Amino acid sequence: MKAKELIELLQKVDPETLVVVCGYEGGYSTPKSAKTINVTGPRDNAWYYGEYDDYDKDDSEKIQAFLLSRGL
């Protein structure tokens, strides 16, 4: 999902709507932080890993992403 797609979706939602992310083992949590990060990918990882990884200076391609995080 790109930011413009998220913006289009959010424009249709009541501004007082609760935002949640999947909990670690189950249930839902509210995001505790949001920030821009650099990642690489997508990769064909096992289903329980995300398809993007942290950017490392040795990686050939850097992708800017917006992270909603459960942690601080």
Protein backbone atom coordinates (compact mmCIF):
# COMPACT_ATOMS: atom_id res chain seq x y z
CA MET A 1 0.00 0.00 0.00
CA LYS A 2 1.26 3.46 -0.88
CA ALA A 3 0.64 6.58 1.23
CA LYS A 4 -1.77 7.97 -1.38
CA GLU A 5 -3.90 4.82 -1.10
CA LEU A 6 -3.96 5.09 2.69
CA ILE A 7 -4.86 8.79 2.48
CA GLU A 8 -7.75 8.01 0.11
CA LEU A 9 -9.04 5.37 2.54
CA LEU A 10 -8.63 7.59 5.60
CA GLN A 11 -10.51 10.47 3.96
CA LYS A 12 -13.61 8.25 4.04
CA VAL A 13 -13.29 7.46 7.75
CA ASP A 14 -14.64 9.45 10.68
CA PRO A 15 -11.64 11.29 12.21
CA GLU A 16 -12.59 9.89 15.64
CA THR A 17 -12.23 6.28 14.44
CA LEU A 18 -9.82 4.15 16.45
CA VAL A 19 -6.71 2.95 14.54
CA VAL A 20 -5.35 -0.49 15.44
CA VAL A 21 -2.62 -2.91 14.34
CA CYS A 22 -2.50 -6.67 14.82
CA GLY A 23 -1.29 -7.71 18.26
CA TYR A 24 1.81 -9.84 18.68
CA GLU A 25 0.07 -13.14 19.41
CA GLY A 26 -3.53 -12.13 18.75
CA GLY A 27 -6.06 -9.39 19.31
CA TYR A 28 -5.42 -5.78 18.36
CA SER A 29 -3.35 -2.87 19.71
CA THR A 30 -3.27 0.83 19.00
CA PRO A 31 -0.12 2.10 17.27
CA LYS A 32 2.30 3.67 19.75
CA SER A 33 4.42 5.48 17.18
CA ALA A 34 4.68 6.30 13.51
CA LYS A 35 7.80 7.19 11.54
CA THR A 36 9.46 7.05 8.15
CA ILE A 37 12.07 4.30 7.72
CA ASN A 38 14.15 2.80 4.91
CA VAL A 39 13.59 -0.81 3.88
CA THR A 40 14.56 -3.22 1.10
CA GLY A 41 12.46 -5.84 -0.61
CA PRO A 42 10.09 -7.31 -1.26
CA ARG A 43 11.57 -10.71 -0.54
CA ASP A 44 10.07 -14.17 -0.67
CA ASN A 45 10.41 -14.93 3.05
CA ALA A 46 8.61 -17.52 5.15
CA TRP A 47 4.99 -16.54 5.85
CA TYR A 48 5.77 -15.46 9.44
CA TYR A 49 8.38 -12.89 8.34
CA GLY A 50 7.49 -9.63 6.64
CA GLU A 51 8.34 -9.26 2.98
CA TYR A 52 10.51 -6.18 3.65
CA ASP A 53 13.72 -5.92 5.69
CA ASP A 54 15.64 -3.08 7.33
CA TYR A 55 17.79 -1.18 4.86
CA ASP A 56 21.52 -1.84 5.13
CA LYS A 57 24.12 0.23 3.31
CA ASP A 58 25.16 -2.96 1.48
CA ASP A 59 21.68 -3.36 -0.04
CA SER A 60 21.34 -2.17 -3.61
CA GLU A 61 17.91 -0.56 -3.35
CA LYS A 62 16.44 1.62 -0.61
CA ILE A 63 12.67 2.09 -0.31
CA GLN A 64 11.14 4.73 1.93
CA ALA A 65 8.26 3.37 4.05
CA PHE A 66 5.95 4.71 6.78
CA LEU A 67 5.87 2.47 9.85
CA LEU A 68 2.97 2.27 12.31
CA SER A 69 4.46 0.50 15.30
CA ARG A 70 3.06 -1.26 18.37
CA GLY A 71 6.22 -0.34 20.31
CA LEU A 72 7.58 3.02 21.33
